[in-house]
Amino acid sequence: MHRSIFCGLAVLSVVGVLPGVAMAGSKVTTHVRSYDIEGENGRALIQAMDKSGPKHGFLTRAIAQTSYTIDWDFDLKAKADVCHLRAASATLDMTYMYPRVTTPMSPALRKRWQRFLSGVREHEQTHGRIARQGITAAERAVADLAVANDPHCIKTQREAQRRVDEIYKQYEAKQVVFDQREHRQGGRVEALVARLVKEH
């Protein structure tokens, strides 16, 4: 089982597992959770997220978070000492965590908040899309896998897992690159936060 957590939007201090054929019907389960924050303006909402958002490392918090686990099931069968991988299916269990404002907002703040949250959701859903693309890539990597002299399918199982793990590493790297691009100075995250705290 692979488990990944991406705090897609880290709180910035402005206040002080895809195309291809799913071989055996891979499944995606999505959960959406929220944490409550309060604030009378954008700056206060950022401070609240910095205090109550999902953990991002040991000392910092994030605005939102995408976490997921991936489990694989390989259907293997040996014939004449050759083991064939007949089907491979993944179960992707994904959870998105978003902030939810529980205090009344002025019409202007509500508009800015909705625009901000829309950008946050788009960012997190990109993490989800990369994870799904990784599953498709892994399915392709193990398609038609067959290993000779493997009557008990032990070597085939190991090879299938090795290929899946390699694809997993590649797509985790894509997740990191995406976050680095979004969080760079003057990047999209900084712009989202700046628009939220802007009073006029």
C-alpha atoms as a PDB file:
ATOM      1  CA  MET A   1       0.000   0.000   0.000  1.00  0.00           C
ATOM      2  CA  HIS A   2       1.238   3.465  -0.877  1.00  0.00           C
ATOM      3  CA  ARG A   3       0.219   6.420   1.278  1.00  0.00           C
ATOM      4  CA  SER A   4       0.818  10.016   0.276  1.00  0.00           C
ATOM      5  CA  ILE A   5      -0.061  13.336   1.841  1.00  0.00           C
ATOM      6  CA  PHE A   6       0.257  16.605  -0.040  1.00  0.00           C
ATOM      7  CA  CYS A   7      -0.416  19.807   1.819  1.00  0.00           C
ATOM      8  CA  GLY A   8      -1.152  21.367  -1.497  1.00  0.00           C
ATOM      9  CA  LEU A   9      -1.436  24.946  -0.303  1.00  0.00           C
ATOM     10  CA  ALA A  10       0.850  25.865   2.524  1.00  0.00           C
ATOM     11  CA  VAL A  11      -0.113  28.870   4.605  1.00  0.00           C
ATOM     12  CA  LEU A  12       2.022  31.830   3.586  1.00  0.00           C
ATOM     13  CA  SER A  13       2.962  34.371   6.225  1.00  0.00           C
ATOM     14  CA  VAL A  14       1.409  37.512   4.809  1.00  0.00           C
ATOM     15  CA  VAL A  15       0.297  38.700   8.224  1.00  0.00           C
ATOM     16  CA  GLY A  16       3.438  39.518  10.246  1.00  0.00           C
ATOM     17  CA  VAL A  17      -2.442   7.576  -7.500  1.00  0.00           C
ATOM     18  CA  LEU A  18      -4.738   7.530 -15.374  1.00  0.00           C
ATOM     19  CA  PRO A  19      -5.410   7.341 -20.318  1.00  0.00           C
ATOM     20  CA  GLY A  20      -5.203   3.604 -20.959  1.00  0.00           C
ATOM     21  CA  VAL A  21      -7.383   0.673 -20.021  1.00  0.00           C
ATOM     22  CA  ALA A  22      -7.923  -0.174 -16.374  1.00  0.00           C
ATOM     23  CA  MET A  23      -7.080  -3.841 -16.578  1.00  0.00           C
ATOM     24  CA  ALA A  24      -9.433  -5.070 -13.888  1.00  0.00           C
ATOM     25  CA  GLY A  25     -11.527  -2.062 -13.015  1.00  0.00           C
ATOM     26  CA  SER A  26      -9.466   0.195 -10.790  1.00  0.00           C
ATOM     27  CA  LYS A  27     -11.561   2.165  -8.310  1.00  0.00           C
ATOM     28  CA  VAL A  28     -11.346   5.691  -6.943  1.00  0.00           C
ATOM     29  CA  THR A  29     -13.038   6.637  -3.686  1.00  0.00           C
ATOM     30  CA  THR A  30     -13.111  10.326  -2.791  1.00  0.00           C
ATOM     31  CA  HIS A  31     -13.822  11.908   0.597  1.00  0.00           C
ATOM     32  CA  VAL A  32     -14.150  15.628   1.313  1.00  0.00           C
ATOM     33  CA  ARG A  33     -13.565  16.885   4.843  1.00  0.00           C
ATOM     34  CA  SER A  34     -13.361  20.330   6.359  1.00  0.00           C
ATOM     35  CA  TYR A  35     -11.999  22.157   9.372  1.00  0.00           C
ATOM     36  CA  ASP A  36     -13.686  25.240  10.823  1.00  0.00           C
ATOM     37  CA  ILE A  37     -12.176  28.704  10.952  1.00  0.00           C
ATOM     38  CA  GLU A  38     -13.396  32.121  12.059  1.00  0.00           C
ATOM     39  CA  GLY A  39     -12.446  35.621  10.969  1.00  0.00           C
ATOM     40  CA  GLU A  40     -13.936  39.002  10.229  1.00  0.00           C
ATOM     41  CA  ASN A  41     -11.587  39.759   7.340  1.00  0.00           C
ATOM     42  CA  GLY A  42      -9.205  38.014   4.968  1.00  0.00           C
ATOM     43  CA  ARG A  43      -6.168  38.564   7.162  1.00  0.00           C
ATOM     44  CA  ALA A  44      -7.933  36.987  10.144  1.00  0.00           C
ATOM     45  CA  LEU A  45      -8.982  34.006   8.011  1.00  0.00           C
ATOM     46  CA  ILE A  46      -5.374  33.428   6.943  1.00  0.00           C
ATOM     47  CA  GLN A  47      -4.306  33.573  10.592  1.00  0.00           C
ATOM     48  CA  ALA A  48      -7.033  31.060  11.485  1.00  0.00           C
ATOM     49  CA  MET A  49      -5.870  28.656   8.754  1.00  0.00           C
ATOM     50  CA  ASP A  50      -2.296  29.065   9.984  1.00  0.00           C
ATOM     51  CA  LYS A  51      -3.485  27.998  13.433  1.00  0.00           C
ATOM     52  CA  SER A  52      -6.031  25.270  12.596  1.00  0.00           C
ATOM     53  CA  GLY A  53      -5.159  23.921   9.150  1.00  0.00           C
ATOM     54  CA  PRO A  54      -3.875  20.389   8.537  1.00  0.00           C
ATOM     55  CA  LYS A  55      -0.310  19.793   9.671  1.00  0.00           C
ATOM     56  CA  HIS A  56       2.428  20.412   7.117  1.00  0.00           C
ATOM     57  CA  GLY A  57       5.552  18.987   8.696  1.00  0.00           C
ATOM     58  CA  PHE A  58       6.147  19.385  12.417  1.00  0.00           C
ATOM     59  CA  LEU A  59       5.828  23.129  12.891  1.00  0.00           C
ATOM     60  CA  THR A  60       3.671  24.490  10.077  1.00  0.00           C
ATOM     61  CA  ARG A  61       0.109  24.225   8.888  1.00  0.00           C
ATOM     62  CA  ALA A  62      -1.440  24.137   5.440  1.00  0.00           C
ATOM     63  CA  ILE A  63      -4.515  25.782   3.985  1.00  0.00           C
ATOM     64  CA  ALA A  64      -5.704  22.517   2.444  1.00  0.00           C
ATOM     65  CA  GLN A  65      -4.531  18.959   2.013  1.00  0.00           C
ATOM     66  CA  THR A  66      -4.800  16.026  -0.370  1.00  0.00           C
ATOM     67  CA  SER A  67      -4.015  12.602   1.047  1.00  0.00           C
ATOM     68  CA  TYR A  68      -4.459   9.207  -0.534  1.00  0.00           C
ATOM     69  CA  THR A  69      -3.623   5.538  -0.314  1.00  0.00           C
ATOM     70  CA  ILE A  70      -3.205   3.146  -3.233  1.00  0.00           C
ATOM     71  CA  ASP A  71      -3.670  -0.616  -2.913  1.00  0.00           C
ATOM     72  CA  TRP A  72      -2.949  -3.027  -5.770  1.00  0.00           C
ATOM     73  CA  ASP A  73      -4.423  -6.430  -6.544  1.00  0.00           C
ATOM     74  CA  PHE A  74      -2.608  -8.654  -9.043  1.00  0.00           C
ATOM     75  CA  ASP A  75      -4.322 -11.634 -10.649  1.00  0.00           C
ATOM     76  CA  LEU A  76      -1.548 -14.102 -11.495  1.00  0.00           C
ATOM     77  CA  LYS A  77      -1.705 -17.538 -13.133  1.00  0.00           C
ATOM     78  CA  ALA A  78       1.047 -19.945 -14.145  1.00  0.00           C
ATOM     79  CA  LYS A  79       0.853 -22.100 -17.241  1.00  0.00           C
ATOM     80  CA  ALA A  80       3.670 -24.389 -18.367  1.00  0.00           C
ATOM     81  CA  ASP A  81       6.014 -22.761 -15.812  1.00  0.00           C
ATOM     82  CA  VAL A  82       5.313 -19.291 -17.239  1.00  0.00           C
ATOM     83  CA  CYS A  83       3.467 -16.934 -14.909  1.00  0.00           C
ATOM     84  CA  HIS A  84       1.154 -14.403 -16.503  1.00  0.00           C
ATOM     85  CA  LEU A  85      -0.282 -11.318 -14.880  1.00  0.00           C
ATOM     86  CA  ARG A  86      -3.856 -11.586 -16.099  1.00  0.00           C
ATOM     87  CA  ALA A  87      -5.212  -8.449 -14.427  1.00  0.00           C
ATOM     88  CA  ALA A  88      -4.047  -5.597 -12.212  1.00  0.00           C
ATOM     89  CA  SER A  89      -6.399  -3.276 -10.390  1.00  0.00           C
ATOM     90  CA  ALA A  90      -5.789  -0.429  -8.008  1.00  0.00           C
ATOM     91  CA  THR A  91      -7.946   1.074  -5.293  1.00  0.00           C
ATOM     92  CA  LEU A  92      -7.264   4.774  -4.835  1.00  0.00           C
ATOM     93  CA  ASP A  93      -8.742   6.166  -1.617  1.00  0.00           C
ATOM     94  CA  MET A  94      -8.430   9.950  -1.684  1.00  0.00           C
ATOM     95  CA  THR A  95      -9.309  12.574   0.921  1.00  0.00           C
ATOM     96  CA  TYR A  96      -9.435  16.327   0.381  1.00  0.00           C
ATOM     97  CA  MET A  97      -9.363  18.647   3.396  1.00  0.00           C
ATOM     98  CA  TYR A  98     -10.596  22.239   3.016  1.00  0.00           C
ATOM     99  CA  PRO A  99     -11.229  25.178   5.362  1.00  0.00           C
ATOM    100  CA  ARG A 100     -14.795  26.215   6.175  1.00  0.00           C
ATOM    101  CA  VAL A 101     -15.695  29.656   7.496  1.00  0.00           C
ATOM    102  CA  THR A 102     -18.226  29.483  10.342  1.00  0.00           C
ATOM    103  CA  THR A 103     -18.614  33.200  11.072  1.00  0.00           C
ATOM    104  CA  PRO A 104     -20.758  35.686   9.124  1.00  0.00           C
ATOM    105  CA  MET A 105     -18.997  37.377   6.213  1.00  0.00           C
ATOM    106  CA  SER A 106     -19.694  40.660   4.499  1.00  0.00           C
ATOM    107  CA  PRO A 107     -20.723  40.374   0.840  1.00  0.00           C
ATOM    108  CA  ALA A 108     -17.300  41.623  -0.250  1.00  0.00           C
ATOM    109  CA  LEU A 109     -15.418  39.162   1.968  1.00  0.00           C
ATOM    110  CA  ARG A 110     -17.697  36.306   0.927  1.00  0.00           C
ATOM    111  CA  LYS A 111     -16.939  37.007  -2.716  1.00  0.00           C
ATOM    112  CA  ARG A 112     -13.197  37.054  -2.069  1.00  0.00           C
ATOM    113  CA  TRP A 113     -13.465  33.886   0.016  1.00  0.00           C
ATOM    114  CA  GLN A 114     -15.369  32.012  -2.669  1.00  0.00           C
ATOM    115  CA  ARG A 115     -12.770  32.988  -5.262  1.00  0.00           C
ATOM    116  CA  PHE A 116      -9.996  31.930  -2.898  1.00  0.00           C
ATOM    117  CA  LEU A 117     -11.603  28.569  -2.082  1.00  0.00           C
ATOM    118  CA  SER A 118     -12.206  27.880  -5.764  1.00  0.00           C
ATOM    119  CA  GLY A 119      -8.478  28.298  -6.394  1.00  0.00           C
ATOM    120  CA  VAL A 120      -7.649  26.063  -3.429  1.00  0.00           C
ATOM    121  CA  ARG A 121      -9.950  23.313  -4.703  1.00  0.00           C
ATOM    122  CA  GLU A 122      -8.481  23.526  -8.183  1.00  0.00           C
ATOM    123  CA  HIS A 123      -5.007  23.080  -6.742  1.00  0.00           C
ATOM    124  CA  GLU A 124      -5.948  20.069  -4.618  1.00  0.00           C
ATOM    125  CA  GLN A 125      -7.867  18.420  -7.434  1.00  0.00           C
ATOM    126  CA  THR A 126      -4.750  18.668  -9.573  1.00  0.00           C
ATOM    127  CA  HIS A 127      -3.000  16.521  -6.967  1.00  0.00           C
ATOM    128  CA  GLY A 128      -5.830  14.037  -7.313  1.00  0.00           C
ATOM    129  CA  ARG A 129      -5.561  14.063 -11.085  1.00  0.00           C
ATOM    130  CA  ILE A 130      -1.813  13.378 -10.947  1.00  0.00           C
ATOM    131  CA  ALA A 131      -2.473  10.421  -8.637  1.00  0.00           C
ATOM    132  CA  ARG A 132      -5.031   8.977 -11.065  1.00  0.00           C
ATOM    133  CA  GLN A 133      -2.619   9.447 -13.965  1.00  0.00           C
ATOM    134  CA  GLY A 134      -0.033   7.499 -11.992  1.00  0.00           C
ATOM    135  CA  ILE A 135      -2.411   4.568 -11.652  1.00  0.00           C
ATOM    136  CA  THR A 136      -2.987   4.480 -15.395  1.00  0.00           C
ATOM    137  CA  ALA A 137       0.758   4.625 -16.027  1.00  0.00           C
ATOM    138  CA  ALA A 138       1.319   1.749 -13.600  1.00  0.00           C
ATOM    139  CA  GLU A 139      -1.385  -0.320 -15.270  1.00  0.00           C
ATOM    140  CA  ARG A 140       0.382   0.156 -18.579  1.00  0.00           C
ATOM    141  CA  ALA A 141       3.731  -0.784 -17.039  1.00  0.00           C
ATOM    142  CA  VAL A 142       2.496  -4.205 -15.910  1.00  0.00           C
ATOM    143  CA  ALA A 143       0.260  -4.989 -18.896  1.00  0.00           C
ATOM    144  CA  ASP A 144       1.095  -8.334 -20.547  1.00  0.00           C
ATOM    145  CA  LEU A 145       3.712  -9.131 -17.906  1.00  0.00           C
ATOM    146  CA  ALA A 146       4.882 -12.754 -18.103  1.00  0.00           C
ATOM    147  CA  VAL A 147       7.876 -14.381 -16.435  1.00  0.00           C
ATOM    148  CA  ALA A 148       9.350 -17.729 -17.470  1.00  0.00           C
ATOM    149  CA  ASN A 149      10.417 -20.404 -14.957  1.00  0.00           C
ATOM    150  CA  ASP A 150       8.060 -19.019 -12.344  1.00  0.00           C
ATOM    151  CA  PRO A 151       5.517 -21.775 -11.611  1.00  0.00           C
ATOM    152  CA  HIS A 152       4.510 -20.224  -8.270  1.00  0.00           C
ATOM    153  CA  CYS A 153       4.366 -16.644  -9.634  1.00  0.00           C
ATOM    154  CA  ILE A 154       6.724 -15.333  -6.981  1.00  0.00           C
ATOM    155  CA  LYS A 155       9.060 -13.592  -9.421  1.00  0.00           C
ATOM    156  CA  THR A 156       6.137 -12.194 -11.396  1.00  0.00           C
ATOM    157  CA  GLN A 157       4.561 -10.731  -8.275  1.00  0.00           C
ATOM    158  CA  ARG A 158       7.852  -9.081  -7.353  1.00  0.00           C
ATOM    159  CA  GLU A 159       8.376  -7.708 -10.850  1.00  0.00           C
ATOM    160  CA  ALA A 160       4.860  -6.292 -10.982  1.00  0.00           C
ATOM    161  CA  GLN A 161       5.380  -4.586  -7.630  1.00  0.00           C
ATOM    162  CA  ARG A 162       8.785  -3.261  -8.714  1.00  0.00           C
ATOM    163  CA  ARG A 163       7.261  -1.683 -11.819  1.00  0.00           C
ATOM    164  CA  VAL A 164       4.401  -0.167  -9.851  1.00  0.00           C
ATOM    165  CA  ASP A 165       6.829   1.247  -7.276  1.00  0.00           C
ATOM    166  CA  GLU A 166       8.938   2.821 -10.004  1.00  0.00           C
ATOM    167  CA  ILE A 167       5.912   4.539 -11.536  1.00  0.00           C
ATOM    168  CA  TYR A 168       4.839   5.622  -8.064  1.00  0.00           C
ATOM    169  CA  LYS A 169       8.184   7.369  -7.509  1.00  0.00           C
ATOM    170  CA  GLN A 170       7.902   9.163 -10.848  1.00  0.00           C
ATOM    171  CA  TYR A 171       4.432  10.499 -10.089  1.00  0.00           C
ATOM    172  CA  GLU A 172       5.275  11.476  -6.523  1.00  0.00           C
ATOM    173  CA  ALA A 173       8.058  13.558  -8.071  1.00  0.00           C
ATOM    174  CA  LYS A 174       5.462  15.167 -10.367  1.00  0.00           C
ATOM    175  CA  GLN A 175       3.405  16.064  -7.282  1.00  0.00           C
ATOM    176  CA  VAL A 176       6.409  17.759  -5.699  1.00  0.00           C
ATOM    177  CA  VAL A 177       7.254  19.699  -8.867  1.00  0.00           C
ATOM    178  CA  PHE A 178       3.647  20.880  -9.120  1.00  0.00           C
ATOM    179  CA  ASP A 179       3.719  22.156  -5.526  1.00  0.00           C
ATOM    180  CA  GLN A 180       7.044  23.898  -6.061  1.00  0.00           C
ATOM    181  CA  ARG A 181       5.681  25.694  -9.109  1.00  0.00           C
ATOM    182  CA  GLU A 182       2.501  26.771  -7.305  1.00  0.00           C
ATOM    183  CA  HIS A 183       4.364  27.951  -4.201  1.00  0.00           C
ATOM    184  CA  ARG A 184       7.180  29.852  -5.860  1.00  0.00           C
ATOM    185  CA  GLN A 185       7.564  33.545  -5.057  1.00  0.00           C
ATOM    186  CA  GLY A 186       5.049  35.488  -7.094  1.00  0.00           C
ATOM    187  CA  GLY A 187       3.252  32.246  -7.921  1.00  0.00           C
ATOM    188  CA  ARG A 188      -0.370  31.218  -7.795  1.00  0.00           C
ATOM    189  CA  VAL A 189      -0.573  30.542  -4.053  1.00  0.00           C
ATOM    190  CA  GLU A 190       0.831  33.946  -3.197  1.00  0.00           C
ATOM    191  CA  ALA A 191      -1.688  35.554  -5.559  1.00  0.00           C
ATOM    192  CA  LEU A 192      -4.614  33.665  -3.997  1.00  0.00           C
ATOM    193  CA  VAL A 193      -3.662  34.775  -0.505  1.00  0.00           C
ATOM    194  CA  ALA A 194      -3.022  38.366  -1.563  1.00  0.00           C
ATOM    195  CA  ARG A 195      -6.477  38.655  -3.156  1.00  0.00           C
ATOM    196  CA  LEU A 196      -8.125  37.261  -0.032  1.00  0.00           C
ATOM    197  CA  VAL A 197      -6.489  39.741   2.340  1.00  0.00           C
ATOM    198  CA  LYS A 198      -6.991  42.735   0.038  1.00  0.00           C
ATOM    199  CA  GLU A 199      -9.615  44.943   1.646  1.00  0.00           C
ATOM    200  CA  HIS A 200     -10.464  47.111  -1.367  1.00  0.00           C
END
